[in-house]
Amino acid sequence: MKYLDNIISETLRLYPPAVRVERMAVADYKLGDTGITIPKGMLVTIPAYAMHRDPELFPDPEKFDPDRFTFEERTKRDPYAYLPFGAGPRNCVGMRFALMEIKVCLALVIANFKINRCPQTKVPLEYFIGSGILQPLDVIVTLERRKDNPIVK
């Protein structure tokens, strides 16, 4: 299941549920020695989608590589470089439930079906981002029941 966790994390890196994370500054905050101060009350937008595709944070960022999320690789990276659910005390309250739900559903589907991409699905995928939520357009697949290892009958 560790590799499935890595696959889910890499998928969320490339296709985060929200393209940005927003926070309101609760106090004035100085950005190191840059001379920049974020005033209390200012809305700060963190571009999660762009960060996840930054080659300085994730080398070869367009490549799907679940090995980016092995324990060894994660410890080499700033923990705030990966933000599919935000971070800190105000991260997504449903994160753990969502990750467990994804894992259970994927495990059952993969164990019971082969997933085939239909020719109508465009490669690379196209998205509608108007609401700040990454929405893929026209992802069409067929499911072929596996005969070798059915878990659910």
N, C-alpha and C. Protein backbone atom coordinates (compact mmCIF):
# COMPACT_ATOMS: atom_id res chain seq x y z
N MET A 1 0.81 -1.21 0.00
CA MET A 1 0.00 0.00 0.00
C MET A 1 0.85 1.27 0.00
N LYS A 2 2.14 1.15 0.37
CA LYS A 2 3.01 2.33 0.35
C LYS A 2 3.11 2.89 -1.06
N TYR A 3 3.27 2.00 -2.06
CA TYR A 3 3.39 2.48 -3.43
C TYR A 3 2.09 3.13 -3.89
N LEU A 4 0.95 2.59 -3.47
CA LEU A 4 -0.33 3.22 -3.80
C LEU A 4 -0.39 4.62 -3.19
N ASP A 5 0.10 4.79 -1.96
CA ASP A 5 0.19 6.13 -1.35
C ASP A 5 1.02 7.06 -2.21
N ASN A 6 2.15 6.56 -2.72
CA ASN A 6 3.03 7.37 -3.58
C ASN A 6 2.31 7.76 -4.87
N ILE A 7 1.58 6.83 -5.45
CA ILE A 7 0.83 7.11 -6.69
C ILE A 7 -0.22 8.18 -6.43
N ILE A 8 -0.93 8.07 -5.33
CA ILE A 8 -1.96 9.07 -4.98
C ILE A 8 -1.31 10.43 -4.76
N SER A 9 -0.20 10.47 -4.03
CA SER A 9 0.49 11.74 -3.77
C SER A 9 0.98 12.38 -5.07
N GLU A 10 1.54 11.57 -5.97
CA GLU A 10 2.03 12.12 -7.24
C GLU A 10 0.87 12.60 -8.10
N THR A 11 -0.24 11.90 -8.07
CA THR A 11 -1.43 12.35 -8.81
C THR A 11 -1.92 13.68 -8.25
N LEU A 12 -1.95 13.81 -6.92
CA LEU A 12 -2.39 15.07 -6.30
C LEU A 12 -1.38 16.19 -6.53
N ARG A 13 -0.11 15.86 -6.73
CA ARG A 13 0.88 16.88 -7.06
C ARG A 13 0.58 17.44 -8.45
N LEU A 14 0.37 16.56 -9.41
CA LEU A 14 0.12 17.00 -10.78
C LEU A 14 -1.28 17.59 -10.96
N TYR A 15 -2.24 17.06 -10.22
CA TYR A 15 -3.63 17.47 -10.38
C TYR A 15 -4.25 17.76 -9.02
N PRO A 16 -3.80 18.84 -8.35
CA PRO A 16 -4.33 19.15 -7.02
C PRO A 16 -5.82 19.50 -7.11
N PRO A 17 -6.58 19.19 -6.06
CA PRO A 17 -8.01 19.52 -6.08
C PRO A 17 -8.26 21.01 -6.24
N ALA A 18 -7.42 21.84 -5.66
CA ALA A 18 -7.54 23.30 -5.79
C ALA A 18 -6.20 23.82 -6.32
N VAL A 19 -6.26 24.77 -7.25
CA VAL A 19 -5.03 25.27 -7.86
C VAL A 19 -4.30 26.28 -6.97
N ARG A 20 -5.00 26.76 -5.94
CA ARG A 20 -4.38 27.73 -5.04
C ARG A 20 -4.91 27.53 -3.62
N VAL A 21 -4.12 28.00 -2.67
CA VAL A 21 -4.51 28.00 -1.26
C VAL A 21 -4.50 29.45 -0.82
N GLU A 22 -5.54 29.89 -0.14
CA GLU A 22 -5.60 31.28 0.31
C GLU A 22 -5.64 31.36 1.82
N ARG A 23 -4.92 32.32 2.35
CA ARG A 23 -4.89 32.55 3.80
C ARG A 23 -4.94 34.06 4.05
N MET A 24 -5.57 34.45 5.15
CA MET A 24 -5.61 35.84 5.57
C MET A 24 -4.56 36.02 6.66
N ALA A 25 -3.70 37.02 6.51
CA ALA A 25 -2.68 37.30 7.52
C ALA A 25 -3.38 37.77 8.80
N VAL A 26 -3.11 37.09 9.91
CA VAL A 26 -3.74 37.45 11.19
C VAL A 26 -2.90 38.46 11.96
N ALA A 27 -1.70 38.74 11.47
CA ALA A 27 -0.82 39.74 12.08
C ALA A 27 0.14 40.21 10.99
N ASP A 28 0.78 41.35 11.21
CA ASP A 28 1.83 41.78 10.28
C ASP A 28 2.92 40.71 10.28
N TYR A 29 3.46 40.43 9.09
CA TYR A 29 4.48 39.39 8.99
C TYR A 29 5.60 39.87 8.08
N LYS A 30 6.83 39.86 8.59
CA LYS A 30 8.00 40.26 7.80
C LYS A 30 8.57 39.03 7.10
N LEU A 31 8.82 39.17 5.81
CA LEU A 31 9.39 38.08 5.03
C LEU A 31 10.91 38.12 5.12
N GLY A 32 11.43 37.50 6.16
CA GLY A 32 12.88 37.44 6.35
C GLY A 32 13.51 38.81 6.30
N ASP A 33 14.61 38.92 5.58
CA ASP A 33 15.29 40.22 5.45
C ASP A 33 15.07 40.82 4.06
N THR A 34 13.90 40.54 3.46
CA THR A 34 13.59 41.07 2.13
C THR A 34 13.12 42.51 2.16
N GLY A 35 12.72 42.99 3.35
CA GLY A 35 12.15 44.33 3.44
C GLY A 35 10.66 44.35 3.14
N ILE A 36 10.09 43.19 2.89
CA ILE A 36 8.67 43.09 2.57
C ILE A 36 7.90 42.68 3.83
N THR A 37 6.80 43.40 4.09
CA THR A 37 5.92 43.06 5.20
C THR A 37 4.53 42.78 4.66
N ILE A 38 3.96 41.66 5.05
CA ILE A 38 2.57 41.35 4.71
C ILE A 38 1.73 41.92 5.85
N PRO A 39 0.87 42.90 5.55
CA PRO A 39 0.09 43.52 6.63
C PRO A 39 -1.05 42.63 7.10
N LYS A 40 -1.39 42.77 8.36
CA LYS A 40 -2.52 42.06 8.95
C LYS A 40 -3.76 42.31 8.09
N GLY A 41 -4.51 41.25 7.83
CA GLY A 41 -5.74 41.38 7.05
C GLY A 41 -5.56 41.16 5.56
N MET A 42 -4.33 41.10 5.07
CA MET A 42 -4.09 40.89 3.64
C MET A 42 -4.34 39.43 3.28
N LEU A 43 -5.01 39.23 2.14
CA LEU A 43 -5.23 37.88 1.63
C LEU A 43 -3.98 37.45 0.87
N VAL A 44 -3.43 36.32 1.25
CA VAL A 44 -2.23 35.78 0.61
C VAL A 44 -2.64 34.55 -0.20
N THR A 45 -2.29 34.54 -1.47
CA THR A 45 -2.61 33.41 -2.34
C THR A 45 -1.34 32.61 -2.58
N ILE A 46 -1.42 31.31 -2.31
CA ILE A 46 -0.29 30.41 -2.52
C ILE A 46 -0.62 29.57 -3.75
N PRO A 47 0.16 29.69 -4.82
CA PRO A 47 -0.16 28.99 -6.07
C PRO A 47 0.28 27.52 -6.05
N ALA A 48 -0.53 26.66 -5.42
CA ALA A 48 -0.16 25.25 -5.24
C ALA A 48 0.12 24.57 -6.58
N TYR A 49 -0.72 24.80 -7.58
CA TYR A 49 -0.53 24.16 -8.89
C TYR A 49 0.83 24.53 -9.47
N ALA A 50 1.18 25.81 -9.41
CA ALA A 50 2.47 26.27 -9.95
C ALA A 50 3.64 25.72 -9.12
N MET A 51 3.50 25.71 -7.80
CA MET A 51 4.56 25.17 -6.95
C MET A 51 4.81 23.70 -7.25
N HIS A 52 3.74 22.94 -7.45
CA HIS A 52 3.87 21.51 -7.72
C HIS A 52 4.54 21.22 -9.05
N ARG A 53 4.60 22.22 -9.92
CA ARG A 53 5.23 22.05 -11.23
C ARG A 53 6.51 22.87 -11.37
N ASP A 54 7.04 23.31 -10.24
CA ASP A 54 8.29 24.08 -10.21
C ASP A 54 9.47 23.10 -10.26
N PRO A 55 10.32 23.18 -11.30
CA PRO A 55 11.43 22.23 -11.41
C PRO A 55 12.46 22.34 -10.28
N GLU A 56 12.50 23.47 -9.58
CA GLU A 56 13.41 23.57 -8.44
C GLU A 56 12.91 22.75 -7.25
N LEU A 57 11.60 22.58 -7.17
CA LEU A 57 11.01 21.79 -6.08
C LEU A 57 10.80 20.33 -6.49
N PHE A 58 10.43 20.12 -7.75
CA PHE A 58 10.15 18.79 -8.28
C PHE A 58 10.83 18.65 -9.64
N PRO A 59 12.06 18.12 -9.68
CA PRO A 59 12.76 17.97 -10.96
C PRO A 59 11.91 17.20 -11.98
N ASP A 60 12.01 17.63 -13.24
CA ASP A 60 11.22 17.04 -14.33
C ASP A 60 9.74 17.01 -13.92
N PRO A 61 9.18 18.19 -13.63
CA PRO A 61 7.86 18.27 -12.98
C PRO A 61 6.68 17.72 -13.78
N GLU A 62 6.78 17.65 -15.11
CA GLU A 62 5.65 17.15 -15.90
C GLU A 62 5.62 15.62 -15.95
N LYS A 63 6.69 14.99 -15.50
CA LYS A 63 6.77 13.52 -15.51
C LYS A 63 6.02 12.95 -14.30
N PHE A 64 5.22 11.92 -14.54
CA PHE A 64 4.53 11.22 -13.45
C PHE A 64 5.53 10.25 -12.83
N ASP A 65 5.93 10.53 -11.59
CA ASP A 65 6.96 9.74 -10.92
C ASP A 65 6.60 9.52 -9.45
N PRO A 66 5.91 8.42 -9.14
CA PRO A 66 5.51 8.15 -7.75
C PRO A 66 6.70 8.03 -6.79
N ASP A 67 7.88 7.75 -7.30
CA ASP A 67 9.05 7.63 -6.43
C ASP A 67 9.45 8.96 -5.80
N ARG A 68 8.88 10.06 -6.24
CA ARG A 68 9.12 11.36 -5.59
C ARG A 68 8.63 11.33 -4.14
N PHE A 69 7.74 10.40 -3.83
CA PHE A 69 7.10 10.39 -2.52
C PHE A 69 7.55 9.23 -1.63
N THR A 70 8.69 8.63 -1.97
CA THR A 70 9.27 7.68 -1.02
C THR A 70 9.72 8.48 0.20
N PHE A 71 9.90 7.82 1.32
CA PHE A 71 10.33 8.51 2.54
C PHE A 71 11.62 9.28 2.29
N GLU A 72 12.57 8.64 1.63
CA GLU A 72 13.88 9.27 1.38
C GLU A 72 13.73 10.55 0.56
N GLU A 73 12.91 10.52 -0.48
CA GLU A 73 12.73 11.70 -1.34
C GLU A 73 11.96 12.80 -0.62
N ARG A 74 10.94 12.44 0.15
CA ARG A 74 10.17 13.46 0.88
C ARG A 74 11.04 14.22 1.87
N THR A 75 11.97 13.54 2.51
CA THR A 75 12.81 14.21 3.52
C THR A 75 13.79 15.20 2.89
N LYS A 76 14.03 15.11 1.59
CA LYS A 76 14.93 16.03 0.89
C LYS A 76 14.24 17.35 0.53
N ARG A 77 12.93 17.40 0.67
CA ARG A 77 12.14 18.52 0.16
C ARG A 77 11.51 19.29 1.32
N ASP A 78 11.35 20.59 1.13
CA ASP A 78 10.63 21.41 2.11
C ASP A 78 9.22 20.85 2.27
N PRO A 79 8.74 20.64 3.49
CA PRO A 79 7.41 20.05 3.68
C PRO A 79 6.28 20.92 3.13
N TYR A 80 6.54 22.21 2.92
CA TYR A 80 5.50 23.09 2.39
C TYR A 80 5.56 23.24 0.88
N ALA A 81 6.35 22.40 0.21
CA ALA A 81 6.41 22.43 -1.25
C ALA A 81 5.23 21.67 -1.86
N TYR A 82 4.60 20.81 -1.08
CA TYR A 82 3.51 19.95 -1.55
C TYR A 82 2.25 20.31 -0.76
N LEU A 83 1.26 20.92 -1.44
CA LEU A 83 0.10 21.47 -0.74
C LEU A 83 -1.25 21.10 -1.36
N PRO A 84 -1.52 19.84 -1.68
CA PRO A 84 -2.82 19.56 -2.30
C PRO A 84 -4.00 19.82 -1.38
N PHE A 85 -3.76 19.81 -0.06
CA PHE A 85 -4.83 20.06 0.91
C PHE A 85 -4.50 21.25 1.80
N GLY A 86 -3.58 22.10 1.37
CA GLY A 86 -3.13 23.19 2.23
C GLY A 86 -2.15 22.64 3.26
N ALA A 87 -1.88 23.42 4.30
CA ALA A 87 -0.93 22.98 5.32
C ALA A 87 -1.20 23.73 6.61
N GLY A 88 -0.62 23.23 7.68
CA GLY A 88 -0.73 23.91 8.97
C GLY A 88 -2.06 23.67 9.65
N PRO A 89 -2.36 24.50 10.65
CA PRO A 89 -3.57 24.28 11.46
C PRO A 89 -4.88 24.47 10.69
N ARG A 90 -4.83 25.10 9.54
CA ARG A 90 -6.07 25.32 8.77
C ARG A 90 -6.07 24.54 7.46
N ASN A 91 -5.38 23.39 7.45
CA ASN A 91 -5.43 22.58 6.24
C ASN A 91 -6.81 21.94 6.12
N CYS A 92 -7.06 21.27 5.04
CA CYS A 92 -8.37 20.68 4.76
C CYS A 92 -8.76 19.69 5.86
N VAL A 93 -9.91 19.92 6.49
CA VAL A 93 -10.36 19.05 7.58
C VAL A 93 -10.72 17.65 7.06
N GLY A 94 -11.03 17.54 5.78
CA GLY A 94 -11.40 16.24 5.22
C GLY A 94 -10.25 15.48 4.59
N MET A 95 -9.01 15.99 4.75
CA MET A 95 -7.86 15.39 4.08
C MET A 95 -7.71 13.90 4.38
N ARG A 96 -7.69 13.52 5.64
CA ARG A 96 -7.46 12.11 5.99
C ARG A 96 -8.58 11.22 5.46
N PHE A 97 -9.81 11.70 5.58
CA PHE A 97 -10.94 10.93 5.05
C PHE A 97 -10.83 10.80 3.53
N ALA A 98 -10.52 11.91 2.85
CA ALA A 98 -10.40 11.88 1.39
C ALA A 98 -9.31 10.92 0.94
N LEU A 99 -8.15 10.95 1.61
CA LEU A 99 -7.05 10.06 1.23
C LEU A 99 -7.42 8.59 1.47
N MET A 100 -8.09 8.30 2.57
CA MET A 100 -8.50 6.92 2.84
C MET A 100 -9.55 6.47 1.82
N GLU A 101 -10.47 7.36 1.51
CA GLU A 101 -11.51 7.04 0.54
C GLU A 101 -10.90 6.77 -0.84
N ILE A 102 -9.96 7.61 -1.26
CA ILE A 102 -9.27 7.41 -2.54
C ILE A 102 -8.56 6.06 -2.55
N LYS A 103 -7.85 5.76 -1.47
CA LYS A 103 -7.07 4.52 -1.40
C LYS A 103 -7.97 3.29 -1.48
N VAL A 104 -9.04 3.27 -0.72
CA VAL A 104 -9.95 2.12 -0.72
C VAL A 104 -10.60 1.95 -2.09
N CYS A 105 -11.12 3.05 -2.65
CA CYS A 105 -11.78 2.97 -3.95
C CYS A 105 -10.82 2.52 -5.04
N LEU A 106 -9.63 3.11 -5.07
CA LEU A 106 -8.65 2.72 -6.09
C LEU A 106 -8.24 1.26 -5.94
N ALA A 107 -7.99 0.82 -4.72
CA ALA A 107 -7.58 -0.57 -4.51
C ALA A 107 -8.65 -1.53 -5.02
N LEU A 108 -9.92 -1.24 -4.72
CA LEU A 108 -11.00 -2.11 -5.19
C LEU A 108 -11.15 -2.07 -6.71
N VAL A 109 -11.08 -0.89 -7.29
CA VAL A 109 -11.23 -0.77 -8.75
C VAL A 109 -10.07 -1.47 -9.45
N ILE A 110 -8.84 -1.20 -9.02
CA ILE A 110 -7.67 -1.78 -9.67
C ILE A 110 -7.64 -3.30 -9.50
N ALA A 111 -8.07 -3.80 -8.36
CA ALA A 111 -8.08 -5.25 -8.13
C ALA A 111 -9.11 -5.95 -9.01
N ASN A 112 -10.19 -5.25 -9.35
CA ASN A 112 -11.28 -5.89 -10.07
C ASN A 112 -11.40 -5.52 -11.54
N PHE A 113 -10.74 -4.43 -11.95
CA PHE A 113 -10.89 -3.97 -13.33
C PHE A 113 -9.57 -3.51 -13.93
N LYS A 114 -9.46 -3.68 -15.23
CA LYS A 114 -8.39 -3.05 -15.99
C LYS A 114 -8.99 -1.76 -16.54
N ILE A 115 -8.27 -0.65 -16.39
CA ILE A 115 -8.78 0.66 -16.82
C ILE A 115 -8.13 1.00 -18.16
N ASN A 116 -8.96 1.25 -19.17
CA ASN A 116 -8.46 1.57 -20.51
C ASN A 116 -8.90 2.97 -20.90
N ARG A 117 -7.95 3.77 -21.37
CA ARG A 117 -8.27 5.11 -21.86
C ARG A 117 -8.91 4.99 -23.23
N CYS A 118 -10.01 5.71 -23.45
CA CYS A 118 -10.67 5.73 -24.75
C CYS A 118 -10.00 6.76 -25.65
N PRO A 119 -10.08 6.59 -26.96
CA PRO A 119 -9.46 7.54 -27.89
C PRO A 119 -9.99 8.97 -27.75
N GLN A 120 -11.22 9.14 -27.23
CA GLN A 120 -11.79 10.48 -27.06
C GLN A 120 -11.09 11.28 -25.96
N THR A 121 -10.36 10.61 -25.09
CA THR A 121 -9.64 11.31 -24.02
C THR A 121 -8.39 11.94 -24.62
N LYS A 122 -8.30 13.25 -24.50
CA LYS A 122 -7.17 13.98 -25.09
C LYS A 122 -5.92 13.81 -24.24
N VAL A 123 -4.78 13.67 -24.92
CA VAL A 123 -3.48 13.59 -24.24
C VAL A 123 -2.61 14.67 -24.86
N PRO A 124 -2.09 15.61 -24.06
CA PRO A 124 -2.29 15.73 -22.63
C PRO A 124 -3.72 16.18 -22.31
N LEU A 125 -4.12 15.96 -21.07
CA LEU A 125 -5.46 16.33 -20.64
C LEU A 125 -5.67 17.84 -20.75
N GLU A 126 -6.92 18.23 -20.96
CA GLU A 126 -7.29 19.64 -20.96
C GLU A 126 -8.15 19.90 -19.73
N TYR A 127 -8.09 21.14 -19.22
CA TYR A 127 -8.76 21.46 -17.96
C TYR A 127 -9.55 22.74 -18.04
N PHE A 128 -10.58 22.80 -17.22
CA PHE A 128 -11.29 24.04 -16.94
C PHE A 128 -10.86 24.45 -15.54
N ILE A 129 -10.34 25.67 -15.39
CA ILE A 129 -9.82 26.12 -14.09
C ILE A 129 -10.57 27.35 -13.60
N GLY A 130 -11.68 27.71 -14.20
CA GLY A 130 -12.37 28.95 -13.89
C GLY A 130 -12.71 29.18 -12.43
N SER A 131 -13.02 28.14 -11.68
CA SER A 131 -13.44 28.32 -10.29
C SER A 131 -12.31 28.14 -9.30
N GLY A 132 -11.10 27.89 -9.77
CA GLY A 132 -9.98 27.63 -8.86
C GLY A 132 -9.85 26.16 -8.54
N ILE A 133 -10.78 25.36 -9.03
CA ILE A 133 -10.72 23.91 -8.85
C ILE A 133 -10.36 23.30 -10.19
N LEU A 134 -9.37 22.45 -10.19
CA LEU A 134 -8.88 21.82 -11.42
C LEU A 134 -9.89 20.77 -11.88
N GLN A 135 -10.53 21.01 -13.03
CA GLN A 135 -11.55 20.10 -13.54
C GLN A 135 -11.14 19.57 -14.91
N PRO A 136 -10.76 18.28 -14.99
CA PRO A 136 -10.38 17.74 -16.29
C PRO A 136 -11.60 17.65 -17.21
N LEU A 137 -11.36 17.89 -18.49
CA LEU A 137 -12.42 17.81 -19.49
C LEU A 137 -12.30 16.50 -20.26
N ASP A 138 -13.40 15.87 -20.50
CA ASP A 138 -13.47 14.70 -21.38
C ASP A 138 -12.48 13.59 -21.04
N VAL A 139 -12.49 13.12 -19.81
CA VAL A 139 -11.71 11.94 -19.45
C VAL A 139 -12.65 10.75 -19.57
N ILE A 140 -12.43 9.95 -20.60
CA ILE A 140 -13.33 8.83 -20.88
C ILE A 140 -12.51 7.54 -20.83
N VAL A 141 -12.98 6.61 -20.02
CA VAL A 141 -12.30 5.32 -19.88
C VAL A 141 -13.32 4.19 -19.97
N THR A 142 -12.82 3.00 -20.22
CA THR A 142 -13.65 1.81 -20.10
C THR A 142 -13.05 0.93 -19.02
N LEU A 143 -13.90 0.18 -18.36
CA LEU A 143 -13.45 -0.76 -17.33
C LEU A 143 -13.66 -2.17 -17.86
N GLU A 144 -12.61 -2.96 -17.79
CA GLU A 144 -12.67 -4.35 -18.23
C GLU A 144 -12.49 -5.23 -16.99
N ARG A 145 -13.50 -6.04 -16.68
CA ARG A 145 -13.45 -6.85 -15.46
C ARG A 145 -12.28 -7.83 -15.52
N ARG A 146 -11.52 -7.87 -14.43
CA ARG A 146 -10.40 -8.82 -14.31
C ARG A 146 -10.97 -10.20 -13.97
N LYS A 147 -10.41 -11.20 -14.59
CA LYS A 147 -10.84 -12.57 -14.30
C LYS A 147 -9.88 -13.25 -13.34
N ASP A 148 -8.70 -12.65 -13.16
CA ASP A 148 -7.64 -13.31 -12.40
C ASP A 148 -7.71 -13.09 -10.89
N ASN A 149 -8.27 -11.96 -10.41
CA ASN A 149 -8.21 -11.67 -8.98
C ASN A 149 -9.42 -10.85 -8.52
N PRO A 150 -10.63 -11.34 -8.70
CA PRO A 150 -11.78 -10.54 -8.25
C PRO A 150 -11.91 -10.55 -6.73
N ILE A 151 -12.04 -9.38 -6.14
CA ILE A 151 -12.25 -9.26 -4.70
C ILE A 151 -13.74 -9.16 -4.42
N VAL A 152 -14.43 -8.35 -5.22
CA VAL A 152 -15.86 -8.14 -5.04
C VAL A 152 -16.58 -8.87 -6.17
N LYS A 153 -17.56 -9.68 -5.82
CA LYS A 153 -18.30 -10.43 -6.85
C LYS A 153 -19.71 -9.90 -6.98
